[in-house]
């Protein structure tokens, strides 16, 4: 009996520790988190193509597949986004992430953040962002609604972040790119 009780206690601890993304349960009141804030770490001096996106389809919403998306056009920033179930991890190029959840409301992707993390700590961060969006081919097109003059950005689905192409590459002399996934980036040093 003691062995059975111990086994049940261990299983319940595993269930609590693993959490739940609450996918498809229709309850957005406690959406859970399927990702850790430091699930992906990225440090790079590379940049995306800052020229305006002119080939975006109409931003009428739709489905967004799980995956790793890297900003490639519409801003010179180096940013990425990991979408898994209802969780989203906004990844900056200097080992700084924002964790949250997302949902579709009509033609908008609504991201509600919960925390930020860097190499040393994680802190609460509550903010909501609304993006008009469309998905076509392997590209997620986003337009932040907060400001009228925000450009449309093209985020391409990628296998890993340090994969250079015509839209995302090194434009400076100190080229560097390091990427960590499924492993914490805590205590990592800057790459440049």
Protein backbone atom coordinates (compact mmCIF):
# COMPACT_ATOMS: atom_id res chain seq x y z
CA UNK A 1 0.00 0.00 0.00
CA UNK A 2 2.87 2.38 0.84
CA UNK A 3 4.43 1.74 -2.57
CA UNK A 4 1.13 2.50 -4.34
CA UNK A 5 0.66 5.72 -2.34
CA UNK A 6 4.24 6.81 -3.11
CA UNK A 7 3.68 6.05 -6.80
CA UNK A 8 0.48 8.16 -6.86
CA UNK A 9 2.20 11.05 -5.07
CA UNK A 10 5.06 11.01 -7.58
CA UNK A 11 2.65 10.94 -10.52
CA UNK A 12 0.68 13.87 -9.12
CA UNK A 13 3.88 15.86 -8.58
CA UNK A 14 4.92 15.19 -12.17
CA UNK A 15 1.52 16.31 -13.43
CA UNK A 16 1.71 19.55 -11.44
CA UNK A 17 5.34 20.20 -12.43
CA UNK A 18 4.72 19.67 -16.12
CA UNK A 19 1.76 22.04 -16.22
CA UNK A 20 -0.75 22.25 -19.03
CA UNK A 21 -1.14 24.43 -22.06
CA UNK A 22 -4.95 24.09 -21.74
CA UNK A 23 -5.19 23.73 -25.48
CA UNK A 24 -8.67 23.33 -26.90
CA UNK A 25 -10.40 23.49 -23.53
CA UNK A 26 -12.10 26.79 -24.37
CA UNK A 27 -11.21 28.30 -20.99
CA UNK A 28 -9.01 31.37 -21.39
CA UNK A 29 -9.27 32.37 -17.72
CA UNK A 30 -6.12 30.43 -16.78
CA UNK A 31 -4.36 29.58 -20.04
CA UNK A 32 -1.30 27.88 -18.51
CA UNK A 33 2.18 27.98 -19.93
CA UNK A 34 3.64 25.29 -22.14
CA UNK A 35 6.97 27.14 -22.52
CA UNK A 36 9.61 28.24 -20.06
CA UNK A 37 10.83 31.83 -20.36
CA UNK A 38 14.36 30.61 -21.13
CA UNK A 39 13.29 27.83 -23.55
CA UNK A 40 15.14 29.65 -26.35
CA UNK A 41 18.17 31.90 -26.01
CA UNK A 42 19.58 34.02 -28.79
CA UNK A 43 22.44 36.45 -29.15
CA UNK A 44 23.24 37.97 -32.53
CA UNK A 45 24.60 41.04 -34.28
CA UNK A 46 22.73 40.08 -37.48
CA UNK A 47 19.79 42.15 -38.69
CA UNK A 48 16.66 41.70 -40.72
CA UNK A 49 15.83 43.59 -43.91
CA UNK A 50 14.35 46.96 -42.88
CA UNK A 51 12.74 47.68 -46.26
CA UNK A 52 8.93 47.92 -46.12
CA UNK A 53 6.93 44.73 -46.65
CA UNK A 54 5.01 45.24 -49.89
CA UNK A 55 3.82 41.69 -50.61
CA UNK A 56 1.71 41.03 -47.50
CA UNK A 57 -1.72 39.51 -48.08
CA UNK A 58 -4.77 41.22 -46.57
CA UNK A 59 -4.44 41.01 -42.78
CA UNK A 60 -7.66 39.09 -42.16
CA UNK A 61 -6.50 36.64 -39.50
CA UNK A 62 -6.62 32.86 -39.82
CA UNK A 63 -4.68 30.03 -38.20
CA UNK A 64 -1.09 30.31 -36.97
CA UNK A 65 0.84 27.03 -36.85
CA UNK A 66 3.15 26.26 -33.94
CA UNK A 67 6.78 27.00 -34.70
CA UNK A 68 9.76 29.29 -34.46
CA UNK A 69 9.36 32.54 -36.38
CA UNK A 70 12.13 35.04 -37.10
CA UNK A 71 11.53 38.65 -38.10
CA UNK A 72 12.99 38.98 -41.59
CA UNK A 73 11.46 42.05 -43.22
CA UNK A 74 9.92 45.38 -42.21
CA UNK A 75 12.33 46.24 -39.38
CA UNK A 76 16.08 46.04 -38.88
CA UNK A 77 15.63 44.43 -35.47
CA UNK A 78 16.69 40.88 -34.70
CA UNK A 79 13.62 39.35 -33.03
CA UNK A 80 11.94 35.97 -33.02
CA UNK A 81 8.83 34.35 -31.66
CA UNK A 82 8.24 30.76 -30.56
CA UNK A 83 4.61 29.67 -30.65
CA UNK A 84 3.60 26.43 -28.96
CA UNK A 85 -0.05 25.74 -28.26
CA UNK A 86 -1.45 28.80 -26.49
CA UNK A 87 2.02 29.92 -25.33
CA UNK A 88 4.22 32.47 -27.03
CA UNK A 89 7.81 33.42 -26.33
CA UNK A 90 8.98 36.73 -27.78
CA UNK A 91 12.75 36.38 -28.21
CA UNK A 92 15.15 39.31 -28.52
CA UNK A 93 18.67 39.05 -29.86
CA UNK A 94 20.40 39.78 -26.56
CA UNK A 95 19.23 36.90 -24.34
CA UNK A 96 16.09 38.76 -23.31
CA UNK A 97 12.66 37.11 -23.65
CA UNK A 98 9.04 37.90 -22.94
CA UNK A 99 6.73 34.99 -22.12
CA UNK A 100 2.98 34.99 -22.50
CA UNK A 101 -0.09 33.49 -24.08
CA UNK A 102 -1.84 34.28 -27.33
CA UNK A 103 -5.22 33.89 -28.95
CA UNK A 104 -7.01 34.92 -32.12
CA UNK A 105 -9.79 37.51 -31.87
CA UNK A 106 -11.30 38.01 -35.32
CA UNK A 107 -8.47 39.19 -37.57
CA UNK A 108 -6.14 39.90 -34.63
CA UNK A 109 -3.50 38.00 -32.73
CA UNK A 110 -3.71 39.08 -29.10
CA UNK A 111 -0.61 38.45 -26.98
CA UNK A 112 -0.86 38.76 -23.20
CA UNK A 113 2.53 38.71 -21.53
CA UNK A 114 3.25 37.22 -18.11
CA UNK A 115 7.00 37.58 -17.50
CA UNK A 116 10.39 38.60 -18.84
CA UNK A 117 13.71 36.87 -18.41
CA UNK A 118 17.36 37.44 -19.21
CA UNK A 119 20.61 35.67 -18.24
CA UNK A 120 20.17 36.36 -14.53
CA UNK A 121 16.53 36.68 -13.53
CA UNK A 122 12.86 36.41 -14.41
CA UNK A 123 10.31 39.08 -13.49
CA UNK A 124 6.56 39.55 -13.87
CA UNK A 125 5.54 41.62 -16.90
CA UNK A 126 1.86 42.19 -17.69
CA UNK A 127 1.06 43.76 -21.04
CA UNK A 128 -1.29 43.11 -23.96
CA UNK A 129 -0.36 43.53 -27.63
CA UNK A 130 -2.78 43.36 -30.59
CA UNK A 131 -1.61 42.54 -34.09
CA UNK A 132 -3.60 42.42 -37.32
CA UNK A 133 -2.21 39.33 -39.05
CA UNK A 134 -2.20 36.90 -41.93
CA UNK A 135 -0.29 33.69 -42.56
CA UNK A 136 0.82 32.73 -46.06
CA UNK A 137 3.28 30.02 -47.09
CA UNK A 138 5.89 29.98 -44.32
CA UNK A 139 5.45 33.63 -43.32
CA UNK A 140 3.44 35.31 -40.58
CA UNK A 141 2.61 38.94 -41.39
CA UNK A 142 2.00 41.18 -38.38
CA UNK A 143 0.93 44.79 -37.95
CA UNK A 144 0.82 46.15 -34.41
CA UNK A 145 -2.36 48.15 -33.87
CA UNK A 146 -1.05 50.37 -31.09
CA UNK A 147 0.42 53.00 -33.41
CA UNK A 148 -0.75 53.95 -36.92
CA UNK A 149 2.76 54.33 -38.31
CA UNK A 150 3.93 50.83 -37.35
CA UNK A 151 5.15 48.89 -40.40
CA UNK A 152 3.88 45.49 -41.46
CA UNK A 153 6.49 42.93 -40.46
CA UNK A 154 7.20 39.59 -42.14
CA UNK A 155 8.14 36.74 -39.76
CA UNK A 156 9.37 33.58 -41.52
CA UNK A 157 9.06 30.15 -39.94
CA UNK A 158 12.58 28.76 -39.43
CA UNK A 159 14.21 25.64 -38.02
CA UNK A 160 16.83 27.60 -36.10
CA UNK A 161 17.70 31.26 -35.60
CA UNK A 162 21.33 31.37 -36.82
CA UNK A 163 20.49 30.53 -40.41
CA UNK A 164 21.57 33.35 -42.71
CA UNK A 165 19.66 34.26 -45.88
CA UNK A 166 19.10 37.28 -48.13
CA UNK A 167 16.62 38.87 -45.69
CA UNK A 168 18.43 38.10 -42.44
CA UNK A 169 22.21 38.37 -42.28
CA UNK A 170 25.23 40.15 -40.88
CA UNK A 171 25.55 43.78 -41.95
CA UNK A 172 28.29 44.77 -39.48
CA UNK A 173 31.96 43.88 -38.96
CA UNK A 174 31.52 42.00 -35.66
CA UNK A 175 29.32 39.17 -36.97
CA UNK A 176 28.06 36.82 -34.28
CA UNK A 177 25.12 34.51 -33.78
CA UNK A 178 24.53 31.94 -31.03
CA UNK A 179 21.30 30.08 -30.39
CA UNK A 180 20.26 27.80 -27.56
CA UNK A 181 17.06 25.76 -27.46
CA UNK A 182 15.70 23.27 -24.95
CA UNK A 183 18.43 24.43 -22.58
CA UNK A 184 18.61 27.43 -20.28
CA UNK A 185 20.59 30.48 -21.37
CA UNK A 186 21.07 31.60 -17.77
CA UNK A 187 24.61 32.87 -17.16
CA UNK A 188 25.49 32.90 -20.89
CA UNK A 189 27.78 35.72 -21.97
CA UNK A 190 26.97 38.12 -24.78
CA UNK A 191 28.20 36.93 -28.16
CA UNK A 192 29.67 40.25 -29.37
